């Protein structure tokens, strides 16, 4: 699976809510009412990422979790990154 051109990434992100593209990665910050809700979200995301064999970079803060996807071995965003962004949104619902 190869990296997608910037134009394709930006086009596909229009179909997703709140995801941004910068520095060869797509990212989104999720907010929660309670700190432990964010931790539960991260645990579910970690399980999904392990199953899909595509792991995000995650920054956990007070009632917020920043998730970013890139293909480190390919050096940019792939279809798998976009797939995982959609799956991450499903977890948050």
PDB file of N, CA and C in Angstrom:
ATOM      1  N   UNK A   1       0.848  -1.176   0.000  1.00  0.00           N
ATOM      2  CA  UNK A   1       0.000   0.000   0.000  1.00  0.00           C
ATOM      3  C   UNK A   1       0.893   1.238   0.000  1.00  0.00           C
ATOM      4  N   UNK A   2       0.665   2.123  -0.936  1.00  0.00           N
ATOM      5  CA  UNK A   2       1.516   3.304  -1.053  1.00  0.00           C
ATOM      6  C   UNK A   2       0.831   4.534  -0.473  1.00  0.00           C
ATOM      7  N   UNK A   3       1.629   5.570  -0.270  1.00  0.00           N
ATOM      8  CA  UNK A   3       1.105   6.840   0.237  1.00  0.00           C
ATOM      9  C   UNK A   3       0.191   7.479  -0.802  1.00  0.00           C
ATOM     10  N   UNK A   4      -0.816   8.149  -0.296  1.00  0.00           N
ATOM     11  CA  UNK A   4      -1.757   8.844  -1.173  1.00  0.00           C
ATOM     12  C   UNK A   4      -1.262  10.260  -1.448  1.00  0.00           C
ATOM     13  N   UNK A   5      -1.589  10.800  -2.627  1.00  0.00           N
ATOM     14  CA  UNK A   5      -1.247  12.197  -2.903  1.00  0.00           C
ATOM     15  C   UNK A   5      -2.053  13.132  -1.985  1.00  0.00           C
ATOM     16  N   UNK A   6      -1.473  14.276  -1.681  1.00  0.00           N
ATOM     17  CA  UNK A   6      -2.136  15.253  -0.808  1.00  0.00           C
ATOM     18  C   UNK A   6      -3.556  15.579  -1.272  1.00  0.00           C
ATOM     19  N   UNK A   7      -3.748  15.727  -2.575  1.00  0.00           N
ATOM     20  CA  UNK A   7      -5.069  16.098  -3.092  1.00  0.00           C
ATOM     21  C   UNK A   7      -6.113  15.032  -2.779  1.00  0.00           C
ATOM     22  N   UNK A   8      -5.736  13.775  -2.857  1.00  0.00           N
ATOM     23  CA  UNK A   8      -6.661  12.676  -2.549  1.00  0.00           C
ATOM     24  C   UNK A   8      -6.963  12.655  -1.051  1.00  0.00           C
ATOM     25  N   UNK A   9      -5.938  12.840  -0.235  1.00  0.00           N
ATOM     26  CA  UNK A   9      -6.130  12.857   1.216  1.00  0.00           C
ATOM     27  C   UNK A   9      -7.102  13.959   1.601  1.00  0.00           C
ATOM     28  N   UNK A  10      -6.877  15.164   1.091  1.00  0.00           N
ATOM     29  CA  UNK A  10      -7.756  16.294   1.429  1.00  0.00           C
ATOM     30  C   UNK A  10      -9.185  16.042   0.949  1.00  0.00           C
ATOM     31  N   UNK A  11      -9.340  15.440  -0.205  1.00  0.00           N
ATOM     32  CA  UNK A  11     -10.661  15.118  -0.729  1.00  0.00           C
ATOM     33  C   UNK A  11     -11.374  14.105   0.175  1.00  0.00           C
ATOM     34  N   UNK A  12     -10.667  13.054   0.565  1.00  0.00           N
ATOM     35  CA  UNK A  12     -11.255  12.010   1.418  1.00  0.00           C
ATOM     36  C   UNK A  12     -11.589  12.546   2.807  1.00  0.00           C
ATOM     37  N   UNK A  13     -10.811  13.496   3.305  1.00  0.00           N
ATOM     38  CA  UNK A  13     -11.071  14.045   4.633  1.00  0.00           C
ATOM     39  C   UNK A  13     -12.362  14.861   4.671  1.00  0.00           C
ATOM     40  N   UNK A  14     -12.825  15.313   3.536  1.00  0.00           N
ATOM     41  CA  UNK A  14     -14.112  16.024   3.490  1.00  0.00           C
ATOM     42  C   UNK A  14     -15.264  15.112   3.904  1.00  0.00           C
ATOM     43  N   UNK A  15     -15.047  13.799   3.766  1.00  0.00           N
ATOM     44  CA  UNK A  15     -16.061  12.812   4.149  1.00  0.00           C
ATOM     45  C   UNK A  15     -16.015  12.498   5.647  1.00  0.00           C
ATOM     46  N   UNK A  16     -14.971  12.951   6.318  1.00  0.00           N
ATOM     47  CA  UNK A  16     -14.796  12.692   7.746  1.00  0.00           C
ATOM     48  C   UNK A  16     -14.969  13.992   8.524  1.00  0.00           C
ATOM     49  N   UNK A  17     -15.475  13.876   9.730  1.00  0.00           N
ATOM     50  CA  UNK A  17     -15.753  15.054  10.541  1.00  0.00           C
ATOM     51  C   UNK A  17     -14.587  15.387  11.474  1.00  0.00           C
ATOM     52  N   UNK A  18     -13.936  16.522  11.225  1.00  0.00           N
ATOM     53  CA  UNK A  18     -12.948  17.031  12.158  1.00  0.00           C
ATOM     54  C   UNK A  18     -11.523  16.539  11.981  1.00  0.00           C
ATOM     55  N   UNK A  19     -11.268  15.694  11.015  1.00  0.00           N
ATOM     56  CA  UNK A  19      -9.907  15.216  10.775  1.00  0.00           C
ATOM     57  C   UNK A  19      -9.151  16.238   9.944  1.00  0.00           C
ATOM     58  N   UNK A  20      -7.878  16.446  10.288  1.00  0.00           N
ATOM     59  CA  UNK A  20      -7.032  17.389   9.579  1.00  0.00           C
ATOM     60  C   UNK A  20      -5.788  16.679   9.053  1.00  0.00           C
ATOM     61  N   UNK A  21      -5.213  17.240   8.010  1.00  0.00           N
ATOM     62  CA  UNK A  21      -4.009  16.679   7.403  1.00  0.00           C
ATOM     63  C   UNK A  21      -2.878  17.677   7.550  1.00  0.00           C
ATOM     64  N   UNK A  22      -1.791  17.227   8.188  1.00  0.00           N
ATOM     65  CA  UNK A  22      -0.593  18.054   8.285  1.00  0.00           C
ATOM     66  C   UNK A  22       0.597  17.166   8.632  1.00  0.00           C
ATOM     67  N   UNK A  23       1.747  17.553   8.179  1.00  0.00           N
ATOM     68  CA  UNK A  23       2.999  16.842   8.466  1.00  0.00           C
ATOM     69  C   UNK A  23       2.905  15.349   8.158  1.00  0.00           C
ATOM     70  N   UNK A  24       2.356  15.022   7.001  1.00  0.00           N
ATOM     71  CA  UNK A  24       2.252  13.633   6.542  1.00  0.00           C
ATOM     72  C   UNK A  24       1.439  12.727   7.462  1.00  0.00           C
ATOM     73  N   UNK A  25       0.455  13.296   8.165  1.00  0.00           N
ATOM     74  CA  UNK A  25      -0.413  12.515   9.043  1.00  0.00           C
ATOM     75  C   UNK A  25      -1.803  13.136   9.057  1.00  0.00           C
ATOM     76  N   UNK A  26      -2.785  12.318   9.410  1.00  0.00           N
ATOM     77  CA  UNK A  26      -4.129  12.849   9.647  1.00  0.00           C
ATOM     78  C   UNK A  26      -4.358  12.776  11.154  1.00  0.00           C
ATOM     79  N   UNK A  27      -5.027  13.800  11.691  1.00  0.00           N
ATOM     80  CA  UNK A  27      -5.205  13.842  13.146  1.00  0.00           C
ATOM     81  C   UNK A  27      -6.532  14.479  13.526  1.00  0.00           C
ATOM     82  N   UNK A  28      -6.967  14.091  14.716  1.00  0.00           N
ATOM     83  CA  UNK A  28      -8.202  14.638  15.265  1.00  0.00           C
ATOM     84  C   UNK A  28      -8.102  14.593  16.781  1.00  0.00           C
ATOM     85  N   UNK A  29      -8.676  15.607  17.434  1.00  0.00           N
ATOM     86  CA  UNK A  29      -8.748  15.630  18.892  1.00  0.00           C
ATOM     87  C   UNK A  29     -10.176  15.322  19.308  1.00  0.00           C
ATOM     88  N   UNK A  30     -10.309  14.339  20.164  1.00  0.00           N
ATOM     89  CA  UNK A  30     -11.608  13.926  20.702  1.00  0.00           C
ATOM     90  C   UNK A  30     -11.711  14.441  22.131  1.00  0.00           C
ATOM     91  N   UNK A  31     -12.896  14.929  22.505  1.00  0.00           N
ATOM     92  CA  UNK A  31     -13.095  15.427  23.864  1.00  0.00           C
ATOM     93  C   UNK A  31     -14.107  14.545  24.597  1.00  0.00           C
ATOM     94  N   UNK A  32     -13.969  14.529  25.916  1.00  0.00           N
ATOM     95  CA  UNK A  32     -14.785  13.679  26.762  1.00  0.00           C
ATOM     96  C   UNK A  32     -15.210  14.450  27.997  1.00  0.00           C
ATOM     97  N   UNK A  33     -16.302  14.023  28.612  1.00  0.00           N
ATOM     98  CA  UNK A  33     -16.777  14.669  29.829  1.00  0.00           C
ATOM     99  C   UNK A  33     -15.966  14.259  31.052  1.00  0.00           C
ATOM    100  N   UNK A  34     -15.438  13.048  31.016  1.00  0.00           N
ATOM    101  CA  UNK A  34     -14.653  12.541  32.140  1.00  0.00           C
ATOM    102  C   UNK A  34     -13.335  11.970  31.625  1.00  0.00           C
ATOM    103  N   UNK A  35     -12.303  12.094  32.418  1.00  0.00           N
ATOM    104  CA  UNK A  35     -10.982  11.589  32.053  1.00  0.00           C
ATOM    105  C   UNK A  35     -11.042  10.102  31.708  1.00  0.00           C
ATOM    106  N   UNK A  36     -11.725   9.315  32.523  1.00  0.00           N
ATOM    107  CA  UNK A  36     -11.774   7.867  32.315  1.00  0.00           C
ATOM    108  C   UNK A  36     -12.541   7.493  31.046  1.00  0.00           C
ATOM    109  N   UNK A  37     -13.434   8.352  30.575  1.00  0.00           N
ATOM    110  CA  UNK A  37     -14.092   8.097  29.282  1.00  0.00           C
ATOM    111  C   UNK A  37     -13.054   8.122  28.157  1.00  0.00           C
ATOM    112  N   UNK A  38     -12.105   9.046  28.250  1.00  0.00           N
ATOM    113  CA  UNK A  38     -11.037   9.111  27.263  1.00  0.00           C
ATOM    114  C   UNK A  38     -10.151   7.877  27.324  1.00  0.00           C
ATOM    115  N   UNK A  39      -9.886   7.409  28.516  1.00  0.00           N
ATOM    116  CA  UNK A  39      -9.062   6.211  28.676  1.00  0.00           C
ATOM    117  C   UNK A  39      -9.778   4.988  28.098  1.00  0.00           C
ATOM    118  N   UNK A  40     -11.082   4.877  28.325  1.00  0.00           N
ATOM    119  CA  UNK A  40     -11.864   3.770  27.747  1.00  0.00           C
ATOM    120  C   UNK A  40     -11.819   3.820  26.221  1.00  0.00           C
ATOM    121  N   UNK A  41     -11.942   5.011  25.680  1.00  0.00           N
ATOM    122  CA  UNK A  41     -11.850   5.218  24.233  1.00  0.00           C
ATOM    123  C   UNK A  41     -10.497   4.728  23.707  1.00  0.00           C
ATOM    124  N   UNK A  42      -9.420   5.084  24.395  1.00  0.00           N
ATOM    125  CA  UNK A  42      -8.079   4.675  23.972  1.00  0.00           C
ATOM    126  C   UNK A  42      -7.949   3.150  24.003  1.00  0.00           C
ATOM    127  N   UNK A  43      -8.493   2.524  25.003  1.00  0.00           N
ATOM    128  CA  UNK A  43      -8.414   1.058  25.093  1.00  0.00           C
ATOM    129  C   UNK A  43      -9.143   0.395  23.923  1.00  0.00           C
ATOM    130  N   UNK A  44     -10.319   0.899  23.587  1.00  0.00           N
ATOM    131  CA  UNK A  44     -11.067   0.351  22.448  1.00  0.00           C
ATOM    132  C   UNK A  44     -10.321   0.595  21.140  1.00  0.00           C
ATOM    133  N   UNK A  45      -9.753   1.784  21.011  1.00  0.00           N
ATOM    134  CA  UNK A  45      -8.988   2.109  19.806  1.00  0.00           C
ATOM    135  C   UNK A  45      -7.752   1.215  19.699  1.00  0.00           C
ATOM    136  N   UNK A  46      -7.088   0.972  20.806  1.00  0.00           N
ATOM    137  CA  UNK A  46      -5.896   0.114  20.801  1.00  0.00           C
ATOM    138  C   UNK A  46      -6.251  -1.298  20.335  1.00  0.00           C
ATOM    139  N   UNK A  47      -7.387  -1.808  20.773  1.00  0.00           N
ATOM    140  CA  UNK A  47      -7.814  -3.143  20.340  1.00  0.00           C
ATOM    141  C   UNK A  47      -8.087  -3.168  18.837  1.00  0.00           C
ATOM    142  N   UNK A  48      -8.771  -2.150  18.345  1.00  0.00           N
ATOM    143  CA  UNK A  48      -9.070  -2.059  16.914  1.00  0.00           C
ATOM    144  C   UNK A  48      -7.777  -1.922  16.106  1.00  0.00           C
ATOM    145  N   UNK A  49      -6.868  -1.108  16.581  1.00  0.00           N
ATOM    146  CA  UNK A  49      -5.599  -0.893  15.882  1.00  0.00           C
ATOM    147  C   UNK A  49      -4.781  -2.183  15.824  1.00  0.00           C
ATOM    148  N   UNK A  50      -4.804  -2.927  16.892  1.00  0.00           N
ATOM    149  CA  UNK A  50      -4.058  -4.185  16.924  1.00  0.00           C
ATOM    150  C   UNK A  50      -4.644  -5.177  15.924  1.00  0.00           C
ATOM    151  N   UNK A  51      -5.971  -5.246  15.868  1.00  0.00           N
ATOM    152  CA  UNK A  51      -6.643  -6.133  14.919  1.00  0.00           C
ATOM    153  C   UNK A  51      -6.324  -5.737  13.479  1.00  0.00           C
ATOM    154  N   UNK A  52      -6.327  -4.425  13.216  1.00  0.00           N
ATOM    155  CA  UNK A  52      -6.076  -3.918  11.861  1.00  0.00           C
ATOM    156  C   UNK A  52      -4.582  -3.831  11.535  1.00  0.00           C
ATOM    157  N   UNK A  53      -3.740  -4.017  12.533  1.00  0.00           N
ATOM    158  CA  UNK A  53      -2.295  -3.882  12.382  1.00  0.00           C
ATOM    159  C   UNK A  53      -1.910  -2.517  11.812  1.00  0.00           C
ATOM    160  N   UNK A  54      -2.553  -1.490  12.363  1.00  0.00           N
ATOM    161  CA  UNK A  54      -2.238  -0.107  11.974  1.00  0.00           C
ATOM    162  C   UNK A  54      -2.474   0.759  13.201  1.00  0.00           C
ATOM    163  N   UNK A  55      -1.398   1.182  13.814  1.00  0.00           N
ATOM    164  CA  UNK A  55      -1.454   1.791  15.140  1.00  0.00           C
ATOM    165  C   UNK A  55      -1.289   3.308  15.084  1.00  0.00           C
ATOM    166  N   UNK A  56      -2.132   4.025  15.815  1.00  0.00           N
ATOM    167  CA  UNK A  56      -2.043   5.483  15.831  1.00  0.00           C
ATOM    168  C   UNK A  56      -1.010   5.975  16.838  1.00  0.00           C
ATOM    169  N   UNK A  57      -0.631   7.218  16.679  1.00  0.00           N
ATOM    170  CA  UNK A  57       0.055   7.940  17.738  1.00  0.00           C
ATOM    171  C   UNK A  57      -1.060   8.576  18.562  1.00  0.00           C
ATOM    172  N   UNK A  58      -0.957   8.481  19.874  1.00  0.00           N
ATOM    173  CA  UNK A  58      -2.023   8.946  20.763  1.00  0.00           C
ATOM    174  C   UNK A  58      -1.416   9.845  21.839  1.00  0.00           C
ATOM    175  N   UNK A  59      -2.050  10.998  22.060  1.00  0.00           N
ATOM    176  CA  UNK A  59      -1.681  11.895  23.155  1.00  0.00           C
ATOM    177  C   UNK A  59      -2.906  12.025  24.042  1.00  0.00           C
ATOM    178  N   UNK A  60      -2.746  11.644  25.300  1.00  0.00           N
ATOM    179  CA  UNK A  60      -3.856  11.695  26.257  1.00  0.00           C
ATOM    180  C   UNK A  60      -3.680  12.912  27.150  1.00  0.00           C
ATOM    181  N   UNK A  61      -4.730  13.699  27.273  1.00  0.00           N
ATOM    182  CA  UNK A  61      -4.745  14.849  28.167  1.00  0.00           C
ATOM    183  C   UNK A  61      -5.988  14.811  29.031  1.00  0.00           C
ATOM    184  N   UNK A  62      -6.212  15.882  29.745  1.00  0.00           N
ATOM    185  CA  UNK A  62      -7.380  15.981  30.606  1.00  0.00           C
ATOM    186  C   UNK A  62      -8.646  16.084  29.740  1.00  0.00           C
ATOM    187  N   UNK A  63      -9.416  15.001  29.720  1.00  0.00           N
ATOM    188  CA  UNK A  63     -10.685  14.919  28.987  1.00  0.00           C
ATOM    189  C   UNK A  63     -10.535  15.144  27.485  1.00  0.00           C
ATOM    190  N   UNK A  64      -9.352  14.850  26.966  1.00  0.00           N
ATOM    191  CA  UNK A  64      -9.150  14.932  25.524  1.00  0.00           C
ATOM    192  C   UNK A  64      -8.109  13.910  25.094  1.00  0.00           C
ATOM    193  N   UNK A  65      -8.278  13.420  23.880  1.00  0.00           N
ATOM    194  CA  UNK A  65      -7.347  12.458  23.307  1.00  0.00           C
ATOM    195  C   UNK A  65      -7.087  12.877  21.871  1.00  0.00           C
ATOM    196  N   UNK A  66      -5.824  13.094  21.533  1.00  0.00           N
ATOM    197  CA  UNK A  66      -5.441  13.410  20.152  1.00  0.00           C
ATOM    198  C   UNK A  66      -4.950  12.123  19.491  1.00  0.00           C
ATOM    199  N   UNK A  67      -5.526  11.835  18.344  1.00  0.00           N
ATOM    200  CA  UNK A  67      -5.190  10.628  17.596  1.00  0.00           C
ATOM    201  C   UNK A  67      -4.630  11.050  16.243  1.00  0.00           C
ATOM    202  N   UNK A  68      -3.513  10.442  15.851  1.00  0.00           N
ATOM    203  CA  UNK A  68      -2.998  10.710  14.506  1.00  0.00           C
ATOM    204  C   UNK A  68      -2.574   9.400  13.857  1.00  0.00           C
ATOM    205  N   UNK A  69      -2.801   9.350  12.560  1.00  0.00           N
ATOM    206  CA  UNK A  69      -2.441   8.182  11.767  1.00  0.00           C
ATOM    207  C   UNK A  69      -1.509   8.594  10.638  1.00  0.00           C
ATOM    208  N   UNK A  70      -0.475   7.805  10.465  1.00  0.00           N
ATOM    209  CA  UNK A  70       0.417   7.885   9.326  1.00  0.00           C
ATOM    210  C   UNK A  70       1.008   6.491   9.158  1.00  0.00           C
ATOM    211  N   UNK A  71       1.515   6.220   8.019  1.00  0.00           N
ATOM    212  CA  UNK A  71       2.209   4.954   7.817  1.00  0.00           C
ATOM    213  C   UNK A  71       3.694   5.244   7.955  1.00  0.00           C
ATOM    214  N   UNK A  72       4.239   4.925   9.114  1.00  0.00           N
ATOM    215  CA  UNK A  72       5.633   5.260   9.400  1.00  0.00           C
ATOM    216  C   UNK A  72       6.588   4.604   8.402  1.00  0.00           C
ATOM    217  N   UNK A  73       6.287   3.376   8.005  1.00  0.00           N
ATOM    218  CA  UNK A  73       7.195   2.698   7.073  1.00  0.00           C
ATOM    219  C   UNK A  73       7.061   3.221   5.645  1.00  0.00           C
ATOM    220  N   UNK A  74       5.904   3.802   5.300  1.00  0.00           N
ATOM    221  CA  UNK A  74       5.708   4.362   3.955  1.00  0.00           C
ATOM    222  C   UNK A  74       6.002   5.862   3.921  1.00  0.00           C
ATOM    223  N   UNK A  75       5.961   6.526   5.079  1.00  0.00           N
ATOM    224  CA  UNK A  75       6.281   7.940   5.151  1.00  0.00           C
ATOM    225  C   UNK A  75       5.135   8.879   4.827  1.00  0.00           C
ATOM    226  N   UNK A  76       3.900   8.418   5.044  1.00  0.00           N
ATOM    227  CA  UNK A  76       2.759   9.291   4.787  1.00  0.00           C
ATOM    228  C   UNK A  76       1.439   8.575   5.008  1.00  0.00           C
ATOM    229  N   UNK A  77       0.391   9.171   4.505  1.00  0.00           N
ATOM    230  CA  UNK A  77      -0.969   8.678   4.709  1.00  0.00           C
ATOM    231  C   UNK A  77      -1.337   7.686   3.609  1.00  0.00           C
ATOM    232  N   UNK A  78      -1.891   6.557   4.039  1.00  0.00           N
ATOM    233  CA  UNK A  78      -2.338   5.512   3.117  1.00  0.00           C
ATOM    234  C   UNK A  78      -3.846   5.300   3.281  1.00  0.00           C
ATOM    235  N   UNK A  79      -4.396   4.440   2.444  1.00  0.00           N
ATOM    236  CA  UNK A  79      -5.817   4.079   2.568  1.00  0.00           C
ATOM    237  C   UNK A  79      -6.108   3.500   3.953  1.00  0.00           C
ATOM    238  N   UNK A  80      -5.156   2.765   4.501  1.00  0.00           N
ATOM    239  CA  UNK A  80      -5.355   2.164   5.819  1.00  0.00           C
ATOM    240  C   UNK A  80      -5.504   3.240   6.895  1.00  0.00           C
ATOM    241  N   UNK A  81      -4.793   4.349   6.754  1.00  0.00           N
ATOM    242  CA  UNK A  81      -4.934   5.468   7.692  1.00  0.00           C
ATOM    243  C   UNK A  81      -6.354   6.021   7.647  1.00  0.00           C
ATOM    244  N   UNK A  82      -6.869   6.200   6.448  1.00  0.00           N
ATOM    245  CA  UNK A  82      -8.229   6.729   6.296  1.00  0.00           C
ATOM    246  C   UNK A  82      -9.257   5.742   6.831  1.00  0.00           C
ATOM    247  N   UNK A  83      -9.040   4.462   6.600  1.00  0.00           N
ATOM    248  CA  UNK A  83      -9.918   3.428   7.146  1.00  0.00           C
ATOM    249  C   UNK A  83      -9.939   3.514   8.674  1.00  0.00           C
ATOM    250  N   UNK A  84      -8.763   3.631   9.272  1.00  0.00           N
ATOM    251  CA  UNK A  84      -8.694   3.687  10.727  1.00  0.00           C
ATOM    252  C   UNK A  84      -9.305   4.979  11.284  1.00  0.00           C
ATOM    253  N   UNK A  85      -9.224   6.059  10.536  1.00  0.00           N
ATOM    254  CA  UNK A  85      -9.885   7.294  10.969  1.00  0.00           C
ATOM    255  C   UNK A  85     -11.393   7.066  11.061  1.00  0.00           C
ATOM    256  N   UNK A  86     -11.970   6.424  10.056  1.00  0.00           N
ATOM    257  CA  UNK A  86     -13.406   6.113  10.080  1.00  0.00           C
ATOM    258  C   UNK A  86     -13.745   5.206  11.248  1.00  0.00           C
ATOM    259  N   UNK A  87     -12.922   4.208  11.477  1.00  0.00           N
ATOM    260  CA  UNK A  87     -13.157   3.274  12.579  1.00  0.00           C
ATOM    261  C   UNK A  87     -13.032   3.977  13.936  1.00  0.00           C
ATOM    262  N   UNK A  88     -12.113   4.912  14.036  1.00  0.00           N
ATOM    263  CA  UNK A  88     -11.935   5.673  15.278  1.00  0.00           C
ATOM    264  C   UNK A  88     -13.179   6.498  15.565  1.00  0.00           C
ATOM    265  N   UNK A  89     -13.747   7.124  14.531  1.00  0.00           N
ATOM    266  CA  UNK A  89     -14.982   7.878  14.713  1.00  0.00           C
ATOM    267  C   UNK A  89     -16.111   6.979  15.195  1.00  0.00           C
ATOM    268  N   UNK A  90     -16.176   5.768  14.707  1.00  0.00           N
ATOM    269  CA  UNK A  90     -17.219   4.828  15.145  1.00  0.00           C
ATOM    270  C   UNK A  90     -17.087   4.491  16.625  1.00  0.00           C
ATOM    271  N   UNK A  91     -15.858   4.377  17.094  1.00  0.00           N
ATOM    272  CA  UNK A  91     -15.629   4.069  18.504  1.00  0.00           C
ATOM    273  C   UNK A  91     -16.146   5.197  19.392  1.00  0.00           C
ATOM    274  N   UNK A  92     -15.956   6.420  18.970  1.00  0.00           N
ATOM    275  CA  UNK A  92     -16.359   7.585  19.772  1.00  0.00           C
ATOM    276  C   UNK A  92     -17.870   7.718  19.902  1.00  0.00           C
ATOM    277  N   UNK A  93     -18.605   7.217  18.928  1.00  0.00           N
ATOM    278  CA  UNK A  93     -20.076   7.385  18.972  1.00  0.00           C
ATOM    279  C   UNK A  93     -20.710   6.768  20.145  1.00  0.00           C
TER     280      UNK A  93
END
